[in-house]
PDB file of all heavy atoms in Angstrom:
ATOM      1  N   LEU A   1      19.713  17.688 -18.380  1.00  0.00           N
ATOM      2  CA  LEU A   1      18.328  17.309 -18.097  1.00  0.00           C
ATOM      3  C   LEU A   1      17.993  15.893 -18.620  1.00  0.00           C
ATOM      4  O   LEU A   1      18.355  15.536 -19.725  1.00  0.00           O
ATOM      5  CB  LEU A   1      17.388  18.307 -18.779  1.00  0.00           C
ATOM      6  CG  LEU A   1      15.885  18.080 -18.699  1.00  0.00           C
ATOM      7  CD1 LEU A   1      15.376  18.272 -17.286  1.00  0.00           C
ATOM      8  CD2 LEU A   1      15.177  19.030 -19.667  1.00  0.00           C
ATOM      9  N   ASN A   2      17.293  15.098 -17.801  1.00  0.00           N
ATOM     10  CA  ASN A   2      16.791  13.793 -18.194  1.00  0.00           C
ATOM     11  C   ASN A   2      15.318  13.738 -17.790  1.00  0.00           C
ATOM     12  O   ASN A   2      14.972  13.554 -16.643  1.00  0.00           O
ATOM     13  CB  ASN A   2      17.582  12.657 -17.524  1.00  0.00           C
ATOM     14  CG  ASN A   2      17.145  11.281 -17.997  1.00  0.00           C
ATOM     15  OD1 ASN A   2      15.971  11.025 -18.184  1.00  0.00           O
ATOM     16  ND2 ASN A   2      18.115  10.417 -18.199  1.00  0.00           N
ATOM     17  N   ALA A   3      14.441  13.912 -18.779  1.00  0.00           N
ATOM     18  CA  ALA A   3      13.018  13.997 -18.517  1.00  0.00           C
ATOM     19  C   ALA A   3      12.456  12.678 -17.964  1.00  0.00           C
ATOM     20  O   ALA A   3      11.642  12.671 -17.028  1.00  0.00           O
ATOM     21  CB  ALA A   3      12.264  14.384 -19.800  1.00  0.00           C
ATOM     22  N   ALA A   4      12.896  11.563 -18.530  1.00  0.00           N
ATOM     23  CA  ALA A   4      12.367  10.276 -18.131  1.00  0.00           C
ATOM     24  C   ALA A   4      12.727   9.994 -16.652  1.00  0.00           C
ATOM     25  O   ALA A   4      11.895   9.508 -15.875  1.00  0.00           O
ATOM     26  CB  ALA A   4      12.882   9.200 -19.029  1.00  0.00           C
ATOM     27  N   ALA A   5      13.977  10.266 -16.298  1.00  0.00           N
ATOM     28  CA  ALA A   5      14.424  10.008 -14.919  1.00  0.00           C
ATOM     29  C   ALA A   5      13.685  10.909 -13.964  1.00  0.00           C
ATOM     30  O   ALA A   5      13.367  10.511 -12.839  1.00  0.00           O
ATOM     31  CB  ALA A   5      15.925  10.191 -14.810  1.00  0.00           C
ATOM     32  N   ALA A   6      13.450  12.160 -14.371  1.00  0.00           N
ATOM     33  CA  ALA A   6      12.720  13.103 -13.491  1.00  0.00           C
ATOM     34  C   ALA A   6      11.324  12.600 -13.200  1.00  0.00           C
ATOM     35  O   ALA A   6      10.856  12.616 -12.040  1.00  0.00           O
ATOM     36  CB  ALA A   6      12.691  14.475 -14.117  1.00  0.00           C
ATOM     37  N   LEU A   7      10.628  12.155 -14.230  1.00  0.00           N
ATOM     38  CA  LEU A   7       9.265  11.656 -14.023  1.00  0.00           C
ATOM     39  C   LEU A   7       9.259  10.364 -13.229  1.00  0.00           C
ATOM     40  O   LEU A   7       8.405  10.151 -12.352  1.00  0.00           O
ATOM     41  CB  LEU A   7       8.555  11.440 -15.365  1.00  0.00           C
ATOM     42  CG  LEU A   7       7.666  12.603 -15.805  1.00  0.00           C
ATOM     43  CD1 LEU A   7       8.490  13.841 -16.095  1.00  0.00           C
ATOM     44  CD2 LEU A   7       6.818  12.218 -17.009  1.00  0.00           C
ATOM     45  N   ALA A   8      10.217   9.470 -13.510  1.00  0.00           N
ATOM     46  CA  ALA A   8      10.288   8.224 -12.779  1.00  0.00           C
ATOM     47  C   ALA A   8      10.543   8.428 -11.313  1.00  0.00           C
ATOM     48  O   ALA A   8      10.087   7.651 -10.460  1.00  0.00           O
ATOM     49  CB  ALA A   8      11.362   7.318 -13.384  1.00  0.00           C
ATOM     50  N   SER A   9      11.260   9.491 -10.982  1.00  0.00           N
ATOM     51  CA  SER A   9      11.574   9.753  -9.561  1.00  0.00           C
ATOM     52  C   SER A   9      10.314  10.067  -8.758  1.00  0.00           C
ATOM     53  O   SER A   9      10.311   9.844  -7.542  1.00  0.00           O
ATOM     54  CB  SER A   9      12.575  10.911  -9.441  1.00  0.00           C
ATOM     55  OG  SER A   9      11.970  12.162  -9.733  1.00  0.00           O
ATOM     56  N   LEU A  10       9.287  10.541  -9.397  1.00  0.00           N
ATOM     57  CA  LEU A  10       8.056  10.869  -8.682  1.00  0.00           C
ATOM     58  C   LEU A  10       7.396   9.616  -8.139  1.00  0.00           C
ATOM     59  O   LEU A  10       6.926   9.603  -6.998  1.00  0.00           O
ATOM     60  CB  LEU A  10       7.049  11.610  -9.565  1.00  0.00           C
ATOM     61  CG  LEU A  10       7.388  13.029  -9.942  1.00  0.00           C
ATOM     62  CD1 LEU A  10       6.235  13.653 -10.724  1.00  0.00           C
ATOM     63  CD2 LEU A  10       7.712  13.880  -8.731  1.00  0.00           C
ATOM     64  N   SER A  11       7.338   8.544  -8.943  1.00  0.00           N
ATOM     65  CA  SER A  11       6.681   7.354  -8.477  1.00  0.00           C
ATOM     66  C   SER A  11       7.484   6.723  -7.348  1.00  0.00           C
ATOM     67  O   SER A  11       6.934   6.084  -6.462  1.00  0.00           O
ATOM     68  CB  SER A  11       6.567   6.354  -9.605  1.00  0.00           C
ATOM     69  OG  SER A  11       7.822   5.964 -10.137  1.00  0.00           O
ATOM     70  N   ALA A  12       8.804   6.946  -7.341  1.00  0.00           N
ATOM     71  CA  ALA A  12       9.620   6.401  -6.253  1.00  0.00           C
ATOM     72  C   ALA A  12       9.379   7.128  -4.946  1.00  0.00           C
ATOM     73  O   ALA A  12       9.523   6.564  -3.878  1.00  0.00           O
ATOM     74  CB  ALA A  12      11.085   6.447  -6.648  1.00  0.00           C
ATOM     75  N   SER A  13       9.028   8.410  -5.048  1.00  0.00           N
ATOM     76  CA  SER A  13       8.851   9.205  -3.810  1.00  0.00           C
ATOM     77  C   SER A  13       7.407   9.312  -3.394  1.00  0.00           C
ATOM     78  O   SER A  13       7.118   9.845  -2.298  1.00  0.00           O
ATOM     79  CB  SER A  13       9.412  10.596  -4.059  1.00  0.00           C
ATOM     80  OG  SER A  13       8.671  11.274  -5.056  1.00  0.00           O
ATOM     81  N   SER A  14       6.461   8.833  -4.204  1.00  0.00           N
ATOM     82  CA  SER A  14       5.053   8.974  -3.850  1.00  0.00           C
ATOM     83  C   SER A  14       4.635   7.846  -2.908  1.00  0.00           C
ATOM     84  O   SER A  14       5.310   6.854  -2.748  1.00  0.00           O
ATOM     85  CB  SER A  14       4.192   8.952  -5.097  1.00  0.00           C
ATOM     86  OG  SER A  14       4.343   7.723  -5.764  1.00  0.00           O
ATOM     87  N   PHE A  15       3.469   8.038  -2.292  1.00  0.00           N
ATOM     88  CA  PHE A  15       2.946   7.015  -1.392  1.00  0.00           C
ATOM     89  C   PHE A  15       2.518   5.797  -2.176  1.00  0.00           C
ATOM     90  O   PHE A  15       1.947   5.890  -3.248  1.00  0.00           O
ATOM     91  CB  PHE A  15       1.752   7.546  -0.607  1.00  0.00           C
ATOM     92  CG  PHE A  15       2.124   8.131   0.698  1.00  0.00           C
ATOM     93  CD1 PHE A  15       1.998   9.484   0.955  1.00  0.00           C
ATOM     94  CD2 PHE A  15       2.618   7.331   1.700  1.00  0.00           C
ATOM     95  CE1 PHE A  15       2.338  10.019   2.163  1.00  0.00           C
ATOM     96  CE2 PHE A  15       2.967   7.855   2.946  1.00  0.00           C
ATOM     97  CZ  PHE A  15       2.828   9.207   3.176  1.00  0.00           C
ATOM     98  N   ALA A  16       2.792   4.646  -1.597  1.00  0.00           N
ATOM     99  CA  ALA A  16       2.299   3.392  -2.154  1.00  0.00           C
ATOM    100  C   ALA A  16       1.878   2.508  -0.978  1.00  0.00           C
ATOM    101  O   ALA A  16       2.343   2.701   0.124  1.00  0.00           O
ATOM    102  CB  ALA A  16       3.379   2.687  -3.014  1.00  0.00           C
ATOM    103  N   ALA A  17       0.996   1.567  -1.237  1.00  0.00           N
ATOM    104  CA  ALA A  17       0.554   0.709  -0.152  1.00  0.00           C
ATOM    105  C   ALA A  17       0.224  -0.668  -0.733  1.00  0.00           C
ATOM    106  O   ALA A  17      -0.167  -0.822  -1.866  1.00  0.00           O
ATOM    107  CB  ALA A  17      -0.694   1.292   0.533  1.00  0.00           C
ATOM    108  N   ARG A  18       0.424  -1.694   0.099  1.00  0.00           N
ATOM    109  CA  ARG A  18      -0.022  -3.017  -0.270  1.00  0.00           C
ATOM    110  C   ARG A  18      -0.896  -3.540   0.883  1.00  0.00           C
ATOM    111  O   ARG A  18      -0.711  -3.145   2.035  1.00  0.00           O
ATOM    112  CB  ARG A  18       1.154  -3.949  -0.532  1.00  0.00           C
ATOM    113  CG  ARG A  18       2.044  -4.239   0.641  1.00  0.00           C
ATOM    114  CD  ARG A  18       3.184  -5.183   0.247  1.00  0.00           C
ATOM    115  NE  ARG A  18       3.966  -5.569   1.379  1.00  0.00           N
ATOM    116  CZ  ARG A  18       5.005  -4.920   1.865  1.00  0.00           C
ATOM    117  NH1 ARG A  18       5.364  -3.791   1.300  1.00  0.00           N
ATOM    118  NH2 ARG A  18       5.684  -5.370   2.915  1.00  0.00           N
ATOM    119  N   ALA A  19      -1.806  -4.435   0.597  1.00  0.00           N
ATOM    120  CA  ALA A  19      -2.741  -4.905   1.604  1.00  0.00           C
ATOM    121  C   ALA A  19      -2.701  -6.421   1.678  1.00  0.00           C
ATOM    122  O   ALA A  19      -2.519  -7.108   0.675  1.00  0.00           O
ATOM    123  CB  ALA A  19      -4.149  -4.453   1.289  1.00  0.00           C
ATOM    124  N   ARG A  20      -2.820  -6.957   2.874  1.00  0.00           N
ATOM    125  CA  ARG A  20      -2.920  -8.403   3.077  1.00  0.00           C
ATOM    126  C   ARG A  20      -4.243  -8.658   3.810  1.00  0.00           C
ATOM    127  O   ARG A  20      -4.511  -8.059   4.859  1.00  0.00           O
ATOM    128  CB  ARG A  20      -1.739  -8.942   3.852  1.00  0.00           C
ATOM    129  CG  ARG A  20      -1.761 -10.469   4.008  1.00  0.00           C
ATOM    130  CD  ARG A  20      -0.534 -10.933   4.780  1.00  0.00           C
ATOM    131  NE  ARG A  20       0.680 -10.688   4.038  1.00  0.00           N
ATOM    132  CZ  ARG A  20       1.182 -11.534   3.110  1.00  0.00           C
ATOM    133  NH1 ARG A  20       0.562 -12.653   2.854  1.00  0.00           N
ATOM    134  NH2 ARG A  20       2.312 -11.261   2.502  1.00  0.00           N
ATOM    135  N   VAL A  21      -5.056  -9.534   3.255  1.00  0.00           N
ATOM    136  CA  VAL A  21      -6.368  -9.811   3.782  1.00  0.00           C
ATOM    137  C   VAL A  21      -6.327 -11.011   4.700  1.00  0.00           C
ATOM    138  O   VAL A  21      -5.732 -12.044   4.374  1.00  0.00           O
ATOM    139  CB  VAL A  21      -7.369 -10.068   2.641  1.00  0.00           C
ATOM    140  CG1 VAL A  21      -8.740 -10.430   3.185  1.00  0.00           C
ATOM    141  CG2 VAL A  21      -7.458  -8.822   1.740  1.00  0.00           C
ATOM    142  N   GLY A  22      -6.981 -10.884   5.882  1.00  0.00           N
ATOM    143  CA  GLY A  22      -7.100 -12.012   6.794  1.00  0.00           C
ATOM    144  C   GLY A  22      -8.525 -12.532   6.778  1.00  0.00           C
ATOM    145  O   GLY A  22      -9.487 -11.761   6.805  1.00  0.00           O
ATOM    146  N   VAL A  23      -8.704 -13.863   6.664  1.00  0.00           N
ATOM    147  CA  VAL A  23     -10.032 -14.471   6.585  1.00  0.00           C
ATOM    148  C   VAL A  23     -10.380 -15.106   7.917  1.00  0.00           C
ATOM    149  O   VAL A  23      -9.617 -15.915   8.434  1.00  0.00           O
ATOM    150  CB  VAL A  23     -10.101 -15.494   5.446  1.00  0.00           C
ATOM    151  CG1 VAL A  23     -11.478 -16.176   5.421  1.00  0.00           C
ATOM    152  CG2 VAL A  23      -9.818 -14.827   4.114  1.00  0.00           C
ATOM    153  N   SER A  24     -11.528 -14.760   8.482  1.00  0.00           N
ATOM    154  CA  SER A  24     -11.914 -15.301   9.794  1.00  0.00           C
ATOM    155  C   SER A  24     -12.788 -16.540   9.676  1.00  0.00           C
ATOM    156  O   SER A  24     -12.893 -17.301  10.615  1.00  0.00           O
ATOM    157  CB  SER A  24     -12.632 -14.224  10.603  1.00  0.00           C
ATOM    158  OG  SER A  24     -13.832 -13.869   9.959  1.00  0.00           O
ATOM    159  N   ASN A  25     -13.456 -16.705   8.552  1.00  0.00           N
ATOM    160  CA  ASN A  25     -14.384 -17.810   8.403  1.00  0.00           C
ATOM    161  C   ASN A  25     -14.212 -18.440   7.024  1.00  0.00           C
ATOM    162  O   ASN A  25     -14.536 -17.839   6.010  1.00  0.00           O
ATOM    163  CB  ASN A  25     -15.807 -17.330   8.579  1.00  0.00           C
ATOM    164  CG  ASN A  25     -16.812 -18.476   8.648  1.00  0.00           C
ATOM    165  OD1 ASN A  25     -16.763 -19.409   7.861  1.00  0.00           O
ATOM    166  ND2 ASN A  25     -17.705 -18.373   9.596  1.00  0.00           N
ATOM    167  N   SER A  26     -13.657 -19.654   7.033  1.00  0.00           N
ATOM    168  CA  SER A  26     -13.361 -20.319   5.723  1.00  0.00           C
ATOM    169  C   SER A  26     -14.597 -20.711   4.978  1.00  0.00           C
ATOM    170  O   SER A  26     -14.558 -20.951   3.770  1.00  0.00           O
ATOM    171  CB  SER A  26     -12.494 -21.550   5.975  1.00  0.00           C
ATOM    172  OG  SER A  26     -13.164 -22.456   6.837  1.00  0.00           O
ATOM    173  N   TRP A  27     -15.788 -20.801   5.690  1.00  0.00           N
ATOM    174  CA  TRP A  27     -17.022 -21.157   4.986  1.00  0.00           C
ATOM    175  C   TRP A  27     -17.674 -19.940   4.301  1.00  0.00           C
ATOM    176  O   TRP A  27     -18.096 -20.012   3.171  1.00  0.00           O
ATOM    177  CB  TRP A  27     -18.001 -21.750   5.993  1.00  0.00           C
ATOM    178  CG  TRP A  27     -17.528 -23.088   6.526  1.00  0.00           C
ATOM    179  CD1 TRP A  27     -16.921 -23.335   7.727  1.00  0.00           C
ATOM    180  CD2 TRP A  27     -17.632 -24.330   5.884  1.00  0.00           C
ATOM    181  NE1 TRP A  27     -16.622 -24.639   7.849  1.00  0.00           N
ATOM    182  CE2 TRP A  27     -17.061 -25.315   6.741  1.00  0.00           C
ATOM    183  CE3 TRP A  27     -18.173 -24.753   4.640  1.00  0.00           C
ATOM    184  CZ2 TRP A  27     -16.987 -26.668   6.388  1.00  0.00           C
ATOM    185  CZ3 TRP A  27     -18.108 -26.107   4.313  1.00  0.00           C
ATOM    186  CH2 TRP A  27     -17.513 -27.026   5.191  1.00  0.00           C
ATOM    187  N   THR A  28     -17.723 -18.851   4.995  1.00  0.00           N
ATOM    188  CA  THR A  28     -18.363 -17.652   4.423  1.00  0.00           C
ATOM    189  C   THR A  28     -17.395 -16.771   3.688  1.00  0.00           C
ATOM    190  O   THR A  28     -17.778 -15.926   2.874  1.00  0.00           O
ATOM    191  CB  THR A  28     -19.036 -16.815   5.529  1.00  0.00           C
ATOM    192  OG1 THR A  28     -18.016 -16.296   6.405  1.00  0.00           O
ATOM    193  CG2 THR A  28     -20.029 -17.643   6.339  1.00  0.00           C
ATOM    194  N   GLY A  29     -16.108 -16.929   3.967  1.00  0.00           N
ATOM    195  CA  GLY A  29     -15.108 -16.058   3.346  1.00  0.00           C
ATOM    196  C   GLY A  29     -15.078 -14.670   3.944  1.00  0.00           C
ATOM    197  O   GLY A  29     -14.460 -13.759   3.407  1.00  0.00           O
ATOM    198  N   ALA A  30     -15.763 -14.491   5.063  1.00  0.00           N
ATOM    199  CA  ALA A  30     -15.805 -13.173   5.709  1.00  0.00           C
ATOM    200  C   ALA A  30     -14.404 -12.726   6.111  1.00  0.00           C
ATOM    201  O   ALA A  30     -13.629 -13.507   6.651  1.00  0.00           O
ATOM    202  CB  ALA A  30     -16.721 -13.196   6.927  1.00  0.00           C
ATOM    203  N   VAL A  31     -14.108 -11.487   5.840  1.00  0.00           N
ATOM    204  CA  VAL A  31     -12.795 -10.904   6.166  1.00  0.00           C
ATOM    205  C   VAL A  31     -12.887 -10.219   7.511  1.00  0.00           C
ATOM    206  O   VAL A  31     -13.667  -9.328   7.716  1.00  0.00           O
ATOM    207  CB  VAL A  31     -12.377  -9.878   5.076  1.00  0.00           C
ATOM    208  CG1 VAL A  31     -11.087  -9.168   5.481  1.00  0.00           C
ATOM    209  CG2 VAL A  31     -12.201 -10.585   3.742  1.00  0.00           C
ATOM    210  N   ASP A  32     -12.047 -10.678   8.445  1.00  0.00           N
ATOM    211  CA  ASP A  32     -12.052 -10.054   9.758  1.00  0.00           C
ATOM    212  C   ASP A  32     -11.126  -8.845   9.809  1.00  0.00           C
ATOM    213  O   ASP A  32     -11.410  -7.882  10.500  1.00  0.00           O
ATOM    214  CB  ASP A  32     -11.610 -11.071  10.822  1.00  0.00           C
ATOM    215  CG  ASP A  32     -11.622 -10.444  12.217  1.00  0.00           C
ATOM    216  OD1 ASP A  32     -12.732 -10.025  12.646  1.00  0.00           O
ATOM    217  OD2 ASP A  32     -10.565 -10.332  12.824  1.00  0.00           O
ATOM    218  N   SER A  33     -10.011  -8.882   9.079  1.00  0.00           N
ATOM    219  CA  SER A  33      -9.055  -7.782   9.165  1.00  0.00           C
ATOM    220  C   SER A  33      -8.309  -7.628   7.846  1.00  0.00           C
ATOM    221  O   SER A  33      -8.185  -8.571   7.057  1.00  0.00           O
ATOM    222  CB  SER A  33      -8.050  -8.030  10.286  1.00  0.00           C
ATOM    223  OG  SER A  33      -7.248  -9.158  10.005  1.00  0.00           O
ATOM    224  N   VAL A  34      -7.834  -6.391   7.623  1.00  0.00           N
ATOM    225  CA  VAL A  34      -6.979  -6.098   6.485  1.00  0.00           C
ATOM    226  C   VAL A  34      -5.761  -5.358   7.010  1.00  0.00           C
ATOM    227  O   VAL A  34      -5.900  -4.361   7.748  1.00  0.00           O
ATOM    228  CB  VAL A  34      -7.726  -5.222   5.444  1.00  0.00           C
ATOM    229  CG1 VAL A  34      -6.793  -4.805   4.318  1.00  0.00           C
ATOM    230  CG2 VAL A  34      -8.930  -5.947   4.892  1.00  0.00           C
ATOM    231  N   THR A  35      -4.590  -5.829   6.645  1.00  0.00           N
ATOM    232  CA  THR A  35      -3.350  -5.162   7.056  1.00  0.00           C
ATOM    233  C   THR A  35      -2.827  -4.332   5.871  1.00  0.00           C
ATOM    234  O   THR A  35      -2.642  -4.881   4.775  1.00  0.00           O
ATOM    235  CB  THR A  35      -2.281  -6.189   7.510  1.00  0.00           C
ATOM    236  OG1 THR A  35      -2.796  -6.907   8.615  1.00  0.00           O
ATOM    237  CG2 THR A  35      -1.004  -5.461   7.914  1.00  0.00           C
ATOM    238  N   ILE A  36      -2.613  -3.043   6.108  1.00  0.00           N
ATOM    239  CA  ILE A  36      -2.142  -2.137   5.044  1.00  0.00           C
ATOM    240  C   ILE A  36      -0.726  -1.726   5.389  1.00  0.00           C
ATOM    241  O   ILE A  36      -0.452  -1.205   6.477  1.00  0.00           O
ATOM    242  CB  ILE A  36      -3.044  -0.895   4.957  1.00  0.00           C
ATOM    243  CG1 ILE A  36      -4.509  -1.290   4.739  1.00  0.00           C
ATOM    244  CG2 ILE A  36      -2.576   0.033   3.821  1.00  0.00           C
ATOM    245  CD1 ILE A  36      -5.473  -0.120   4.943  1.00  0.00           C
ATOM    246  N   THR A  37       0.193  -1.964   4.460  1.00  0.00           N
ATOM    247  CA  THR A  37       1.589  -1.577   4.663  1.00  0.00           C
ATOM    248  C   THR A  37       1.934  -0.476   3.675  1.00  0.00           C
ATOM    249  O   THR A  37       1.892  -0.656   2.455  1.00  0.00           O
ATOM    250  CB  THR A  37       2.514  -2.772   4.470  1.00  0.00           C
ATOM    251  OG1 THR A  37       2.142  -3.849   5.329  1.00  0.00           O
ATOM    252  CG2 THR A  37       3.979  -2.368   4.745  1.00  0.00           C
ATOM    253  N   PHE A  38       2.314   0.708   4.205  1.00  0.00           N
ATOM    254  CA  PHE A  38       2.697   1.831   3.376  1.00  0.00           C
ATOM    255  C   PHE A  38       4.207   1.835   3.123  1.00  0.00           C
ATOM    256  O   PHE A  38       4.984   1.213   3.877  1.00  0.00           O
ATOM    257  CB  PHE A  38       2.297   3.147   4.071  1.00  0.00           C
ATOM    258  CG  PHE A  38       0.807   3.366   4.109  1.00  0.00           C
ATOM    259  CD1 PHE A  38       0.081   3.029   5.220  1.00  0.00           C
ATOM    260  CD2 PHE A  38       0.155   3.965   3.054  1.00  0.00           C
ATOM    261  CE1 PHE A  38      -1.283   3.238   5.282  1.00  0.00           C
ATOM    262  CE2 PHE A  38      -1.185   4.189   3.088  1.00  0.00           C
ATOM    263  CZ  PHE A  38      -1.951   3.807   4.188  1.00  0.00           C
ATOM    264  N   ASN A  39       4.617   2.560   2.079  1.00  0.00           N
ATOM    265  CA  ASN A  39       6.052   2.622   1.804  1.00  0.00           C
ATOM    266  C   ASN A  39       6.733   3.712   2.627  1.00  0.00           C
ATOM    267  O   ASN A  39       7.960   3.789   2.632  1.00  0.00           O
ATOM    268  CB  ASN A  39       6.302   2.855   0.321  1.00  0.00           C
ATOM    269  CG  ASN A  39       5.836   4.236  -0.142  1.00  0.00           C
ATOM    270  OD1 ASN A  39       4.941   4.822   0.430  1.00  0.00           O
ATOM    271  ND2 ASN A  39       6.455   4.746  -1.213  1.00  0.00           N
ATOM    272  N   ARG A  40       5.995   4.520   3.351  1.00  0.00           N
ATOM    273  CA  ARG A  40       6.559   5.416   4.326  1.00  0.00           C
ATOM    274  C   ARG A  40       5.486   5.803   5.349  1.00  0.00           C
ATOM    275  O   ARG A  40       4.306   5.556   5.119  1.00  0.00           O
ATOM    276  CB  ARG A  40       7.209   6.631   3.696  1.00  0.00           C
ATOM    277  CG  ARG A  40       6.311   7.619   2.980  1.00  0.00           C
ATOM    278  CD  ARG A  40       7.152   8.818   2.540  1.00  0.00           C
ATOM    279  NE  ARG A  40       6.390   9.913   2.043  1.00  0.00           N
ATOM    280  CZ  ARG A  40       6.218  10.164   0.764  1.00  0.00           C
ATOM    281  NH1 ARG A  40       6.750   9.373  -0.140  1.00  0.00           N
ATOM    282  NH2 ARG A  40       5.518  11.227   0.363  1.00  0.00           N
ATOM    283  N   ALA A  41       5.936   6.332   6.448  1.00  0.00           N
ATOM    284  CA  ALA A  41       5.034   6.587   7.598  1.00  0.00           C
ATOM    285  C   ALA A  41       3.851   7.483   7.208  1.00  0.00           C
ATOM    286  O   ALA A  41       4.007   8.464   6.480  1.00  0.00           O
ATOM    287  CB  ALA A  41       5.808   7.216   8.755  1.00  0.00           C
ATOM    288  N   VAL A  42       2.672   7.092   7.705  1.00  0.00           N
ATOM    289  CA  VAL A  42       1.444   7.889   7.520  1.00  0.00           C
ATOM    290  C   VAL A  42       1.141   8.577   8.849  1.00  0.00           C
ATOM    291  O   VAL A  42       1.302   8.007   9.933  1.00  0.00           O
ATOM    292  CB  VAL A  42       0.298   6.941   7.111  1.00  0.00           C
ATOM    293  CG1 VAL A  42      -1.004   7.740   7.019  1.00  0.00           C
ATOM    294  CG2 VAL A  42       0.605   6.270   5.802  1.00  0.00           C
ATOM    295  N   ALA A  43       0.710   9.793   8.748  1.00  0.00           N
ATOM    296  CA  ALA A  43       0.475  10.578   9.962  1.00  0.00           C
ATOM    297  C   ALA A  43      -0.455   9.879  10.940  1.00  0.00           C
ATOM    298  O   ALA A  43      -1.372   9.138  10.532  1.00  0.00           O
ATOM    299  CB  ALA A  43      -0.157  11.943   9.569  1.00  0.00           C
ATOM    300  N   SER A  44      -0.205  10.104  12.226  1.00  0.00           N
ATOM    301  CA  SER A  44      -1.018   9.440  13.259  1.00  0.00           C
ATOM    302  C   SER A  44      -2.459   9.880  13.224  1.00  0.00           C
ATOM    303  O   SER A  44      -3.315   9.223  13.805  1.00  0.00           O
ATOM    304  CB  SER A  44      -0.433   9.720  14.648  1.00  0.00           C
ATOM    305  OG  SER A  44      -0.379  11.130  14.880  1.00  0.00           O
ATOM    306  N   GLY A  45      -2.779  10.975  12.504  1.00  0.00           N
ATOM    307  CA  GLY A  45      -4.156  11.404  12.342  1.00  0.00           C
ATOM    308  C   GLY A  45      -4.975  10.540  11.412  1.00  0.00           C
ATOM    309  O   GLY A  45      -6.163  10.721  11.255  1.00  0.00           O
TER     310      GLY A  45
END
C-alpha cells in the first residue's frame, strides 16, 4: 500500500479545465467568447 500515490492518482483522473478569454473590444475590455478546454471529454448534454 502507498497512501500518497493512491490519493495523488485521484487528481490525475478527475476533471480539470483551463479557459482562454477572447476580447472583442480593446477599449471596453468586453469579452466576446471564452474557450474552455477539459482534460477529457464532457458529455454532449
